């Protein structure tokens, strides 16, 4: 279990190839849900700085996809796709996440994860718990080696800033 200074809790189970990530955001559930499900808001926080997120296409519905790229400070691009399988508005959404080309075609050489994001009201705002499952321990270790934990903690910090601006 790793607790960051910014409050993101990462619980890693290498043997099971799974992660549980928790963070409380100081905003109501409706606003936090929007930040996780609307492209214009996701683009403001999803990438760890100095990278930025750039949405190519988003269709947030069951069976829909979010195709985006992480764009580095020197213009380098890493594509990804999320495919939504089940959505219960402001409660949870789940699906798959994978590295992809600019058209959203999955890169079969890199790990594909299944995940679920769950949103719960708490006194301080909204708790978001993310459950991530990789096909095996090696796949999880590969994304951890790529900096997933640090990157997501930084992105969560970005989301705090975005939510602060939206609430003000």
Foldseek 3Di string as FASTA:
>chain_A
DDADPQGWDWDDDLQQQKIKIKHFAQAALLVVLCCVQPVVNVQQFVWFPPWTKAWPDFDPDAQTKTWIWTAHPVGDTWIKMWHWHDDDPSAKTWTKIATDPNVHHHDPVAWMKIKMWGWDQDPRHIMIMMMIHTPGSVRSVVVVVVVPVVGRVSSVVSSNVSVVVVVD
